[in-house]
Amino acid sequence: MSNVTLAIGGRHYTVACAEGEESHVTRLGQMIAEKLSGMGNAVGQNEARQLLFASLLLADELHEARAASSASEAAAPPADPSEDLAPLLERIADRIENLAEQLETMPGTP
């Protein structure tokens, strides 16, 4: 287990993470800090509420990105099914040839 200190909204938060995940968690913290600073100084909003709004904005961006990704996948033409079947058909043909050779070499076969 490792610890990372994140600077968000002028405060420092120590967060535990798995070994090797430090830079990833740091980047996530930077995203939150950027979103929070981009919101400006919301007068009358406490820290928890500001973090909530920043989280909602990030979640909305994620939702939009996923929706756009799903739409582009749905609009993409289907892959050529023959490409998927070619390796299978080759294996089947090889198997049939092997069986035919075995039948030809069996005793009593004309």
PDB file of N, CA and C in Angstrom:
ATOM      1  N   MET A   1       0.849  -1.167   0.000  1.00  0.00           N
ATOM      2  CA  MET A   1       0.000   0.000   0.000  1.00  0.00           C
ATOM      3  C   MET A   1       0.897   1.233   0.000  1.00  0.00           C
ATOM      4  N   SER A   2       0.456   2.230  -0.692  1.00  0.00           N
ATOM      5  CA  SER A   2       1.225   3.460  -0.821  1.00  0.00           C
ATOM      6  C   SER A   2       0.315   4.642  -0.511  1.00  0.00           C
ATOM      7  N   ASN A   3       0.909   5.771  -0.196  1.00  0.00           N
ATOM      8  CA  ASN A   3       0.150   6.988   0.075  1.00  0.00           C
ATOM      9  C   ASN A   3       0.536   8.069  -0.926  1.00  0.00           C
ATOM     10  N   VAL A   4      -0.451   8.842  -1.334  1.00  0.00           N
ATOM     11  CA  VAL A   4      -0.245   9.967  -2.241  1.00  0.00           C
ATOM     12  C   VAL A   4      -0.899  11.178  -1.604  1.00  0.00           C
ATOM     13  N   THR A   5      -0.233  12.326  -1.678  1.00  0.00           N
ATOM     14  CA  THR A   5      -0.816  13.558  -1.165  1.00  0.00           C
ATOM     15  C   THR A   5      -1.297  14.381  -2.349  1.00  0.00           C
ATOM     16  N   LEU A   6      -2.575  14.705  -2.332  1.00  0.00           N
ATOM     17  CA  LEU A   6      -3.205  15.472  -3.395  1.00  0.00           C
ATOM     18  C   LEU A   6      -3.468  16.883  -2.908  1.00  0.00           C
ATOM     19  N   ALA A   7      -3.179  17.868  -3.760  1.00  0.00           N
ATOM     20  CA  ALA A   7      -3.468  19.270  -3.450  1.00  0.00           C
ATOM     21  C   ALA A   7      -4.702  19.669  -4.243  1.00  0.00           C
ATOM     22  N   ILE A   8      -5.818  19.836  -3.540  1.00  0.00           N
ATOM     23  CA  ILE A   8      -7.085  20.168  -4.181  1.00  0.00           C
ATOM     24  C   ILE A   8      -7.730  21.320  -3.423  1.00  0.00           C
ATOM     25  N   GLY A   9      -8.035  22.363  -4.145  1.00  0.00           N
ATOM     26  CA  GLY A   9      -8.717  23.499  -3.516  1.00  0.00           C
ATOM     27  C   GLY A   9      -7.943  24.129  -2.385  1.00  0.00           C
ATOM     28  N   GLY A  10      -6.625  24.162  -2.507  1.00  0.00           N
ATOM     29  CA  GLY A  10      -5.808  24.788  -1.466  1.00  0.00           C
ATOM     30  C   GLY A  10      -5.586  23.925  -0.242  1.00  0.00           C
ATOM     31  N   ARG A  11      -6.064  22.720  -0.254  1.00  0.00           N
ATOM     32  CA  ARG A  11      -5.866  21.802   0.878  1.00  0.00           C
ATOM     33  C   ARG A  11      -5.124  20.574   0.394  1.00  0.00           C
ATOM     34  N   HIS A  12      -4.533  19.871   1.337  1.00  0.00           N
ATOM     35  CA  HIS A  12      -3.790  18.659   1.007  1.00  0.00           C
ATOM     36  C   HIS A  12      -4.508  17.452   1.611  1.00  0.00           C
ATOM     37  N   TYR A  13      -4.672  16.443   0.798  1.00  0.00           N
ATOM     38  CA  TYR A  13      -5.348  15.209   1.214  1.00  0.00           C
ATOM     39  C   TYR A  13      -4.405  14.035   0.964  1.00  0.00           C
ATOM     40  N   THR A  14      -4.229  13.201   1.969  1.00  0.00           N
ATOM     41  CA  THR A  14      -3.424  12.004   1.805  1.00  0.00           C
ATOM     42  C   THR A  14      -4.357  10.850   1.526  1.00  0.00           C
ATOM     43  N   VAL A  15      -4.074  10.161   0.412  1.00  0.00           N
ATOM     44  CA  VAL A  15      -4.935   9.078  -0.051  1.00  0.00           C
ATOM     45  C   VAL A  15      -4.093   7.813  -0.198  1.00  0.00           C
ATOM     46  N   ALA A  16      -4.626   6.698   0.268  1.00  0.00           N
ATOM     47  CA  ALA A  16      -3.937   5.415   0.105  1.00  0.00           C
ATOM     48  C   ALA A  16      -4.286   4.832  -1.260  1.00  0.00           C
ATOM     49  N   CYS A  17      -3.295   4.176  -1.863  1.00  0.00           N
ATOM     50  CA  CYS A  17      -3.524   3.511  -3.144  1.00  0.00           C
ATOM     51  C   CYS A  17      -2.589   2.308  -3.249  1.00  0.00           C
ATOM     52  N   ALA A  18      -2.837   1.486  -4.234  1.00  0.00           N
ATOM     53  CA  ALA A  18      -2.010   0.303  -4.456  1.00  0.00           C
ATOM     54  C   ALA A  18      -0.637   0.725  -4.986  1.00  0.00           C
ATOM     55  N   GLU A  19       0.359  -0.093  -4.716  1.00  0.00           N
ATOM     56  CA  GLU A  19       1.698   0.156  -5.238  1.00  0.00           C
ATOM     57  C   GLU A  19       1.626   0.268  -6.755  1.00  0.00           C
ATOM     58  N   GLY A  20       2.313   1.241  -7.312  1.00  0.00           N
ATOM     59  CA  GLY A  20       2.335   1.432  -8.750  1.00  0.00           C
ATOM     60  C   GLY A  20       1.209   2.310  -9.274  1.00  0.00           C
ATOM     61  N   GLU A  21       0.234   2.646  -8.432  1.00  0.00           N
ATOM     62  CA  GLU A  21      -0.901   3.467  -8.856  1.00  0.00           C
ATOM     63  C   GLU A  21      -0.747   4.932  -8.460  1.00  0.00           C
ATOM     64  N   GLU A  22       0.400   5.280  -7.902  1.00  0.00           N
ATOM     65  CA  GLU A  22       0.595   6.633  -7.383  1.00  0.00           C
ATOM     66  C   GLU A  22       0.409   7.703  -8.455  1.00  0.00           C
ATOM     67  N   SER A  23       1.043   7.519  -9.618  1.00  0.00           N
ATOM     68  CA  SER A  23       0.942   8.557 -10.657  1.00  0.00           C
ATOM     69  C   SER A  23      -0.482   8.658 -11.198  1.00  0.00           C
ATOM     70  N   HIS A  24      -1.169   7.534 -11.291  1.00  0.00           N
ATOM     71  CA  HIS A  24      -2.557   7.550 -11.767  1.00  0.00           C
ATOM     72  C   HIS A  24      -3.456   8.317 -10.790  1.00  0.00           C
ATOM     73  N   VAL A  25      -3.323   8.027  -9.513  1.00  0.00           N
ATOM     74  CA  VAL A  25      -4.128   8.713  -8.498  1.00  0.00           C
ATOM     75  C   VAL A  25      -3.774  10.200  -8.467  1.00  0.00           C
ATOM     76  N   THR A  26      -2.501  10.517  -8.641  1.00  0.00           N
ATOM     77  CA  THR A  26      -2.079  11.920  -8.678  1.00  0.00           C
ATOM     78  C   THR A  26      -2.722  12.643  -9.858  1.00  0.00           C
ATOM     79  N   ARG A  27      -2.753  11.998 -11.043  1.00  0.00           N
ATOM     80  CA  ARG A  27      -3.398  12.610 -12.208  1.00  0.00           C
ATOM     81  C   ARG A  27      -4.894  12.823 -11.967  1.00  0.00           C
ATOM     82  N   LEU A  28      -5.546  11.854 -11.331  1.00  0.00           N
ATOM     83  CA  LEU A  28      -6.968  12.009 -11.020  1.00  0.00           C
ATOM     84  C   LEU A  28      -7.182  13.195 -10.081  1.00  0.00           C
ATOM     85  N   GLY A  29      -6.324  13.312  -9.086  1.00  0.00           N
ATOM     86  CA  GLY A  29      -6.411  14.454  -8.166  1.00  0.00           C
ATOM     87  C   GLY A  29      -6.213  15.777  -8.886  1.00  0.00           C
ATOM     88  N   GLN A  30      -5.301  15.793  -9.852  1.00  0.00           N
ATOM     89  CA  GLN A  30      -5.071  17.010 -10.628  1.00  0.00           C
ATOM     90  C   GLN A  30      -6.300  17.376 -11.457  1.00  0.00           C
ATOM     91  N   MET A  31      -6.981  16.363 -11.993  1.00  0.00           N
ATOM     92  CA  MET A  31      -8.212  16.623 -12.750  1.00  0.00           C
ATOM     93  C   MET A  31      -9.264  17.282 -11.862  1.00  0.00           C
ATOM     94  N   ILE A  32      -9.395  16.766 -10.649  1.00  0.00           N
ATOM     95  CA  ILE A  32     -10.371  17.339  -9.710  1.00  0.00           C
ATOM     96  C   ILE A  32      -9.974  18.768  -9.354  1.00  0.00           C
ATOM     97  N   ALA A  33      -8.689  18.974  -9.098  1.00  0.00           N
ATOM     98  CA  ALA A  33      -8.209  20.310  -8.745  1.00  0.00           C
ATOM     99  C   ALA A  33      -8.456  21.298  -9.886  1.00  0.00           C
ATOM    100  N   GLU A  34      -8.208  20.859 -11.126  1.00  0.00           N
ATOM    101  CA  GLU A  34      -8.442  21.732 -12.277  1.00  0.00           C
ATOM    102  C   GLU A  34      -9.926  22.058 -12.425  1.00  0.00           C
ATOM    103  N   LYS A  35     -10.766  21.071 -12.252  1.00  0.00           N
ATOM    104  CA  LYS A  35     -12.206  21.302 -12.382  1.00  0.00           C
ATOM    105  C   LYS A  35     -12.662  22.274 -11.301  1.00  0.00           C
ATOM    106  N   LEU A  36     -12.176  22.083 -10.098  1.00  0.00           N
ATOM    107  CA  LEU A  36     -12.548  22.947  -8.977  1.00  0.00           C
ATOM    108  C   LEU A  36     -12.083  24.383  -9.213  1.00  0.00           C
ATOM    109  N   SER A  37     -10.873  24.547  -9.697  1.00  0.00           N
ATOM    110  CA  SER A  37     -10.375  25.907  -9.940  1.00  0.00           C
ATOM    111  C   SER A  37     -11.089  26.543 -11.130  1.00  0.00           C
ATOM    112  N   GLY A  38     -11.529  25.749 -12.097  1.00  0.00           N
ATOM    113  CA  GLY A  38     -12.265  26.263 -13.243  1.00  0.00           C
ATOM    114  C   GLY A  38     -13.656  26.745 -12.891  1.00  0.00           C
ATOM    115  N   MET A  39     -14.167  26.290 -11.753  1.00  0.00           N
ATOM    116  CA  MET A  39     -15.497  26.718 -11.321  1.00  0.00           C
ATOM    117  C   MET A  39     -15.481  28.123 -10.741  1.00  0.00           C
ATOM    118  N   GLY A  40     -14.305  28.615 -10.428  1.00  0.00           N
ATOM    119  CA  GLY A  40     -14.216  29.936  -9.803  1.00  0.00           C
ATOM    120  C   GLY A  40     -14.508  29.826  -8.317  1.00  0.00           C
ATOM    121  N   ASN A  41     -14.542  30.944  -7.672  1.00  0.00           N
ATOM    122  CA  ASN A  41     -14.782  30.971  -6.236  1.00  0.00           C
ATOM    123  C   ASN A  41     -16.284  31.121  -6.000  1.00  0.00           C
ATOM    124  N   ALA A  42     -16.932  30.019  -5.749  1.00  0.00           N
ATOM    125  CA  ALA A  42     -18.382  30.042  -5.511  1.00  0.00           C
ATOM    126  C   ALA A  42     -18.645  30.620  -4.132  1.00  0.00           C
ATOM    127  N   VAL A  43     -19.195  31.793  -4.115  1.00  0.00           N
ATOM    128  CA  VAL A  43     -19.453  32.494  -2.856  1.00  0.00           C
ATOM    129  C   VAL A  43     -20.526  31.742  -2.068  1.00  0.00           C
ATOM    130  N   GLY A  44     -20.266  31.545  -0.810  1.00  0.00           N
ATOM    131  CA  GLY A  44     -21.246  30.914   0.064  1.00  0.00           C
ATOM    132  C   GLY A  44     -21.258  29.389  -0.021  1.00  0.00           C
ATOM    133  N   GLN A  45     -20.368  28.810  -0.812  1.00  0.00           N
ATOM    134  CA  GLN A  45     -20.327  27.360  -0.930  1.00  0.00           C
ATOM    135  C   GLN A  45     -19.223  26.813  -0.033  1.00  0.00           C
ATOM    136  N   ASN A  46     -19.570  25.818   0.761  1.00  0.00           N
ATOM    137  CA  ASN A  46     -18.538  25.219   1.583  1.00  0.00           C
ATOM    138  C   ASN A  46     -17.702  24.256   0.737  1.00  0.00           C
ATOM    139  N   GLU A  47     -16.612  23.815   1.322  1.00  0.00           N
ATOM    140  CA  GLU A  47     -15.655  22.961   0.611  1.00  0.00           C
ATOM    141  C   GLU A  47     -16.299  21.668   0.108  1.00  0.00           C
ATOM    142  N   ALA A  48     -17.090  21.032   0.936  1.00  0.00           N
ATOM    143  CA  ALA A  48     -17.731  19.774   0.532  1.00  0.00           C
ATOM    144  C   ALA A  48     -18.651  19.990  -0.658  1.00  0.00           C
ATOM    145  N   ARG A  49     -19.387  21.080  -0.655  1.00  0.00           N
ATOM    146  CA  ARG A  49     -20.306  21.370  -1.759  1.00  0.00           C
ATOM    147  C   ARG A  49     -19.542  21.679  -3.044  1.00  0.00           C
ATOM    148  N   GLN A  50     -18.441  22.396  -2.936  1.00  0.00           N
ATOM    149  CA  GLN A  50     -17.620  22.685  -4.105  1.00  0.00           C
ATOM    150  C   GLN A  50     -17.056  21.388  -4.702  1.00  0.00           C
ATOM    151  N   LEU A  51     -16.582  20.498  -3.841  1.00  0.00           N
ATOM    152  CA  LEU A  51     -16.063  19.219  -4.320  1.00  0.00           C
ATOM    153  C   LEU A  51     -17.174  18.380  -4.950  1.00  0.00           C
ATOM    154  N   LEU A  52     -18.369  18.461  -4.388  1.00  0.00           N
ATOM    155  CA  LEU A  52     -19.508  17.750  -4.961  1.00  0.00           C
ATOM    156  C   LEU A  52     -19.786  18.248  -6.374  1.00  0.00           C
ATOM    157  N   PHE A  53     -19.823  19.562  -6.568  1.00  0.00           N
ATOM    158  CA  PHE A  53     -20.091  20.120  -7.890  1.00  0.00           C
ATOM    159  C   PHE A  53     -18.985  19.747  -8.884  1.00  0.00           C
ATOM    160  N   ALA A  54     -17.738  19.786  -8.433  1.00  0.00           N
ATOM    161  CA  ALA A  54     -16.626  19.400  -9.306  1.00  0.00           C
ATOM    162  C   ALA A  54     -16.765  17.934  -9.714  1.00  0.00           C
ATOM    163  N   SER A  55     -17.151  17.097  -8.760  1.00  0.00           N
ATOM    164  CA  SER A  55     -17.355  15.676  -9.052  1.00  0.00           C
ATOM    165  C   SER A  55     -18.500  15.471 -10.035  1.00  0.00           C
ATOM    166  N   LEU A  56     -19.581  16.221  -9.853  1.00  0.00           N
ATOM    167  CA  LEU A  56     -20.714  16.120 -10.781  1.00  0.00           C
ATOM    168  C   LEU A  56     -20.323  16.540 -12.196  1.00  0.00           C
ATOM    169  N   LEU A  57     -19.534  17.600 -12.301  1.00  0.00           N
ATOM    170  CA  LEU A  57     -19.077  18.044 -13.622  1.00  0.00           C
ATOM    171  C   LEU A  57     -18.196  16.984 -14.282  1.00  0.00           C
ATOM    172  N   LEU A  58     -17.295  16.376 -13.517  1.00  0.00           N
ATOM    173  CA  LEU A  58     -16.443  15.320 -14.062  1.00  0.00           C
ATOM    174  C   LEU A  58     -17.266  14.096 -14.452  1.00  0.00           C
ATOM    175  N   ALA A  59     -18.241  13.751 -13.624  1.00  0.00           N
ATOM    176  CA  ALA A  59     -19.099  12.606 -13.937  1.00  0.00           C
ATOM    177  C   ALA A  59     -19.900  12.866 -15.207  1.00  0.00           C
ATOM    178  N   ASP A  60     -20.349  14.120 -15.388  1.00  0.00           N
ATOM    179  CA  ASP A  60     -21.089  14.481 -16.597  1.00  0.00           C
ATOM    180  C   ASP A  60     -20.194  14.359 -17.826  1.00  0.00           C
ATOM    181  N   GLU A  61     -18.954  14.802 -17.731  1.00  0.00           N
ATOM    182  CA  GLU A  61     -18.007  14.667 -18.843  1.00  0.00           C
ATOM    183  C   GLU A  61     -17.779  13.196 -19.183  1.00  0.00           C
ATOM    184  N   LEU A  62     -17.640  12.361 -18.167  1.00  0.00           N
ATOM    185  CA  LEU A  62     -17.460  10.925 -18.382  1.00  0.00           C
ATOM    186  C   LEU A  62     -18.680  10.327 -19.063  1.00  0.00           C
ATOM    187  N   HIS A  63     -19.856  10.725 -18.610  1.00  0.00           N
ATOM    188  CA  HIS A  63     -21.100  10.234 -19.202  1.00  0.00           C
ATOM    189  C   HIS A  63     -21.184  10.621 -20.683  1.00  0.00           C
ATOM    190  N   GLU A  64     -20.858  11.861 -20.993  1.00  0.00           N
ATOM    191  CA  GLU A  64     -20.890  12.330 -22.385  1.00  0.00           C
ATOM    192  C   GLU A  64     -19.878  11.569 -23.237  1.00  0.00           C
ATOM    193  N   ALA A  65     -18.694  11.330 -22.690  1.00  0.00           N
ATOM    194  CA  ALA A  65     -17.662  10.597 -23.444  1.00  0.00           C
ATOM    195  C   ALA A  65     -18.107   9.168 -23.720  1.00  0.00           C
ATOM    196  N   ARG A  66     -18.714   8.537 -22.732  1.00  0.00           N
ATOM    197  CA  ARG A  66     -19.206   7.167 -22.931  1.00  0.00           C
ATOM    198  C   ARG A  66     -20.339   7.137 -23.950  1.00  0.00           C
ATOM    199  N   ALA A  67     -21.222   8.111 -23.891  1.00  0.00           N
ATOM    200  CA  ALA A  67     -22.330   8.173 -24.846  1.00  0.00           C
ATOM    201  C   ALA A  67     -21.799   8.375 -26.259  1.00  0.00           C
ATOM    202  N   ALA A  68     -20.812   9.242 -26.417  1.00  0.00           N
ATOM    203  CA  ALA A  68     -20.226   9.481 -27.734  1.00  0.00           C
ATOM    204  C   ALA A  68     -19.525   8.224 -28.239  1.00  0.00           C
ATOM    205  N   SER A  69     -18.858   7.511 -27.344  1.00  0.00           N
ATOM    206  CA  SER A  69     -18.175   6.273 -27.719  1.00  0.00           C
ATOM    207  C   SER A  69     -19.179   5.216 -28.163  1.00  0.00           C
ATOM    208  N   SER A  70     -20.270   5.085 -27.424  1.00  0.00           N
ATOM    209  CA  SER A  70     -21.315   4.114 -27.774  1.00  0.00           C
ATOM    210  C   SER A  70     -21.945   4.465 -29.112  1.00  0.00           C
ATOM    211  N   ALA A  71     -22.170   5.751 -29.353  1.00  0.00           N
ATOM    212  CA  ALA A  71     -22.772   6.182 -30.610  1.00  0.00           C
ATOM    213  C   ALA A  71     -21.847   5.891 -31.781  1.00  0.00           C
ATOM    214  N   SER A  72     -20.546   6.100 -31.599  1.00  0.00           N
ATOM    215  CA  SER A  72     -19.614   5.841 -32.698  1.00  0.00           C
ATOM    216  C   SER A  72     -19.475   4.344 -32.952  1.00  0.00           C
ATOM    217  N   GLU A  73     -19.559   3.533 -31.900  1.00  0.00           N
ATOM    218  CA  GLU A  73     -19.513   2.080 -32.084  1.00  0.00           C
ATOM    219  C   GLU A  73     -20.758   1.591 -32.810  1.00  0.00           C
ATOM    220  N   ALA A  74     -21.905   2.165 -32.487  1.00  0.00           N
ATOM    221  CA  ALA A  74     -23.155   1.761 -33.129  1.00  0.00           C
ATOM    222  C   ALA A  74     -23.164   2.190 -34.587  1.00  0.00           C
ATOM    223  N   ALA A  75     -22.526   3.309 -34.907  1.00  0.00           N
ATOM    224  CA  ALA A  75     -22.517   3.806 -36.275  1.00  0.00           C
ATOM    225  C   ALA A  75     -21.480   3.111 -37.142  1.00  0.00           C
ATOM    226  N   ALA A  76     -20.518   2.444 -36.527  1.00  0.00           N
ATOM    227  CA  ALA A  76     -19.464   1.776 -37.289  1.00  0.00           C
ATOM    228  C   ALA A  76     -20.051   0.597 -38.054  1.00  0.00           C
ATOM    229  N   PRO A  77     -19.608   0.410 -39.287  1.00  0.00           N
ATOM    230  CA  PRO A  77     -20.118  -0.726 -40.056  1.00  0.00           C
ATOM    231  C   PRO A  77     -19.652  -2.033 -39.422  1.00  0.00           C
ATOM    232  N   PRO A  78     -20.457  -3.070 -39.510  1.00  0.00           N
ATOM    233  CA  PRO A  78     -20.047  -4.338 -38.915  1.00  0.00           C
ATOM    234  C   PRO A  78     -18.815  -4.887 -39.622  1.00  0.00           C
ATOM    235  N   ALA A  79     -18.014  -5.585 -38.889  1.00  0.00           N
ATOM    236  CA  ALA A  79     -16.811  -6.192 -39.456  1.00  0.00           C
ATOM    237  C   ALA A  79     -17.207  -7.250 -40.473  1.00  0.00           C
ATOM    238  N   ASP A  80     -16.333  -7.477 -41.423  1.00  0.00           N
ATOM    239  CA  ASP A  80     -16.582  -8.483 -42.444  1.00  0.00           C
ATOM    240  C   ASP A  80     -16.612  -9.850 -41.764  1.00  0.00           C
ATOM    241  N   PRO A  81     -17.762 -10.530 -41.760  1.00  0.00           N
ATOM    242  CA  PRO A  81     -17.853 -11.807 -41.059  1.00  0.00           C
ATOM    243  C   PRO A  81     -16.931 -12.863 -41.643  1.00  0.00           C
ATOM    244  N   SER A  82     -16.568 -12.729 -42.904  1.00  0.00           N
ATOM    245  CA  SER A  82     -15.679 -13.724 -43.493  1.00  0.00           C
ATOM    246  C   SER A  82     -14.303 -13.679 -42.850  1.00  0.00           C
ATOM    247  N   GLU A  83     -13.898 -12.517 -42.330  1.00  0.00           N
ATOM    248  CA  GLU A  83     -12.617 -12.426 -41.646  1.00  0.00           C
ATOM    249  C   GLU A  83     -12.626 -13.260 -40.366  1.00  0.00           C
ATOM    250  N   ASP A  84     -13.742 -13.264 -39.660  1.00  0.00           N
ATOM    251  CA  ASP A  84     -13.849 -14.041 -38.438  1.00  0.00           C
ATOM    252  C   ASP A  84     -13.946 -15.529 -38.731  1.00  0.00           C
ATOM    253  N   LEU A  85     -14.569 -15.878 -39.851  1.00  0.00           N
ATOM    254  CA  LEU A  85     -14.800 -17.282 -40.182  1.00  0.00           C
ATOM    255  C   LEU A  85     -13.615 -17.942 -40.865  1.00  0.00           C
ATOM    256  N   ALA A  86     -12.757 -17.171 -41.500  1.00  0.00           N
ATOM    257  CA  ALA A  86     -11.653 -17.745 -42.268  1.00  0.00           C
ATOM    258  C   ALA A  86     -10.793 -18.709 -41.447  1.00  0.00           C
ATOM    259  N   PRO A  87     -10.319 -18.339 -40.260  1.00  0.00           N
ATOM    260  CA  PRO A  87      -9.492 -19.287 -39.493  1.00  0.00           C
ATOM    261  C   PRO A  87     -10.267 -20.548 -39.114  1.00  0.00           C
ATOM    262  N   LEU A  88     -11.530 -20.396 -38.778  1.00  0.00           N
ATOM    263  CA  LEU A  88     -12.356 -21.550 -38.425  1.00  0.00           C
ATOM    264  C   LEU A  88     -12.531 -22.479 -39.623  1.00  0.00           C
ATOM    265  N   LEU A  89     -12.824 -21.895 -40.774  1.00  0.00           N
ATOM    266  CA  LEU A  89     -12.992 -22.702 -41.981  1.00  0.00           C
ATOM    267  C   LEU A  89     -11.698 -23.424 -42.363  1.00  0.00           C
ATOM    268  N   GLU A  90     -10.565 -22.786 -42.173  1.00  0.00           N
ATOM    269  CA  GLU A  90      -9.284 -23.437 -42.454  1.00  0.00           C
ATOM    270  C   GLU A  90      -9.070 -24.639 -41.538  1.00  0.00           C
ATOM    271  N   ARG A  91      -9.391 -24.484 -40.260  1.00  0.00           N
ATOM    272  CA  ARG A  91      -9.242 -25.613 -39.321  1.00  0.00           C
ATOM    273  C   ARG A  91     -10.181 -26.750 -39.703  1.00  0.00           C
ATOM    274  N   ILE A  92     -11.400 -26.415 -40.093  1.00  0.00           N
ATOM    275  CA  ILE A  92     -12.357 -27.451 -40.493  1.00  0.00           C
ATOM    276  C   ILE A  92     -11.854 -28.166 -41.745  1.00  0.00           C
ATOM    277  N   ALA A  93     -11.348 -27.409 -42.731  1.00  0.00           N
ATOM    278  CA  ALA A  93     -10.825 -28.017 -43.961  1.00  0.00           C
ATOM    279  C   ALA A  93      -9.655 -28.940 -43.643  1.00  0.00           C
ATOM    280  N   ASP A  94      -8.751 -28.507 -42.769  1.00  0.00           N
ATOM    281  CA  ASP A  94      -7.623 -29.354 -42.372  1.00  0.00           C
ATOM    282  C   ASP A  94      -8.111 -30.640 -41.719  1.00  0.00           C
ATOM    283  N   ARG A  95      -9.092 -30.522 -40.881  1.00  0.00           N
ATOM    284  CA  ARG A  95      -9.651 -31.698 -40.190  1.00  0.00           C
ATOM    285  C   ARG A  95     -10.271 -32.665 -41.200  1.00  0.00           C
ATOM    286  N   ILE A  96     -11.014 -32.139 -42.170  1.00  0.00           N
ATOM    287  CA  ILE A  96     -11.641 -32.992 -43.189  1.00  0.00           C
ATOM    288  C   ILE A  96     -10.562 -33.692 -44.008  1.00  0.00           C
ATOM    289  N   GLU A  97      -9.509 -32.973 -44.379  1.00  0.00           N
ATOM    290  CA  GLU A  97      -8.421 -33.584 -45.142  1.00  0.00           C
ATOM    291  C   GLU A  97      -7.751 -34.692 -44.347  1.00  0.00           C
ATOM    292  N   ASN A  98      -7.524 -34.458 -43.053  1.00  0.00           N
ATOM    293  CA  ASN A  98      -6.918 -35.493 -42.203  1.00  0.00           C
ATOM    294  C   ASN A  98      -7.811 -36.722 -42.123  1.00  0.00           C
ATOM    295  N   LEU A  99      -9.114 -36.512 -41.969  1.00  0.00           N
ATOM    296  CA  LEU A  99     -10.045 -37.641 -41.915  1.00  0.00           C
ATOM    297  C   LEU A  99     -10.069 -38.392 -43.243  1.00  0.00           C
ATOM    298  N   ALA A 100     -10.019 -37.651 -44.343  1.00  0.00           N
ATOM    299  CA  ALA A 100     -10.012 -38.292 -45.663  1.00  0.00           C
ATOM    300  C   ALA A 100      -8.756 -39.134 -45.837  1.00  0.00           C
ATOM    301  N   GLU A 101      -7.611 -38.630 -45.407  1.00  0.00           N
ATOM    302  CA  GLU A 101      -6.363 -39.395 -45.490  1.00  0.00           C
ATOM    303  C   GLU A 101      -6.453 -40.660 -44.649  1.00  0.00           C
ATOM    304  N   GLN A 102      -7.039 -40.547 -43.453  1.00  0.00           N
ATOM    305  CA  GLN A 102      -7.178 -41.724 -42.588  1.00  0.00           C
ATOM    306  C   GLN A 102      -8.076 -42.757 -43.234  1.00  0.00           C
ATOM    307  N   LEU A 103      -9.154 -42.322 -43.866  1.00  0.00           N
ATOM    308  CA  LEU A 103     -10.072 -43.244 -44.544  1.00  0.00           C
ATOM    309  C   LEU A 103      -9.375 -43.933 -45.712  1.00  0.00           C
ATOM    310  N   GLU A 104      -8.547 -43.226 -46.460  1.00  0.00           N
ATOM    311  CA  GLU A 104      -7.851 -43.797 -47.601  1.00  0.00           C
ATOM    312  C   GLU A 104      -6.846 -44.841 -47.194  1.00  0.00           C
ATOM    313  N   THR A 105      -6.258 -44.671 -46.025  1.00  0.00           N
ATOM    314  CA  THR A 105      -5.219 -45.598 -45.580  1.00  0.00           C
ATOM    315  C   THR A 105      -5.782 -46.751 -44.750  1.00  0.00           C
ATOM    316  N   MET A 106      -7.070 -46.778 -44.499  1.00  0.00           N
ATOM    317  CA  MET A 106      -7.658 -47.860 -43.727  1.00  0.00           C
ATOM    318  C   MET A 106      -7.674 -49.129 -44.558  1.00  0.00           C
ATOM    319  N   PRO A 107      -7.397 -50.275 -43.904  1.00  0.00           N
ATOM    320  CA  PRO A 107      -7.448 -51.541 -44.644  1.00  0.00           C
ATOM    321  C   PRO A 107      -8.871 -51.815 -45.136  1.00  0.00           C
ATOM    322  N   GLY A 108      -8.985 -52.365 -46.321  1.00  0.00           N
ATOM    323  CA  GLY A 108     -10.281 -52.706 -46.867  1.00  0.00           C
ATOM    324  C   GLY A 108     -10.942 -51.551 -47.606  1.00  0.00           C
ATOM    325  N   THR A 109     -10.237 -50.405 -47.740  1.00  0.00           N
ATOM    326  CA  THR A 109     -10.805 -49.269 -48.466  1.00  0.00           C
ATOM    327  C   THR A 109     -10.383 -49.376 -49.917  1.00  0.00           C
ATOM    328  N   PRO A 110     -11.333 -49.335 -50.877  1.00  0.00           N
ATOM    329  CA  PRO A 110     -10.973 -49.494 -52.295  1.00  0.00           C
ATOM    330  C   PRO A 110     -10.129 -48.358 -52.835  1.00  0.00           C
TER     331      PRO A 110
END
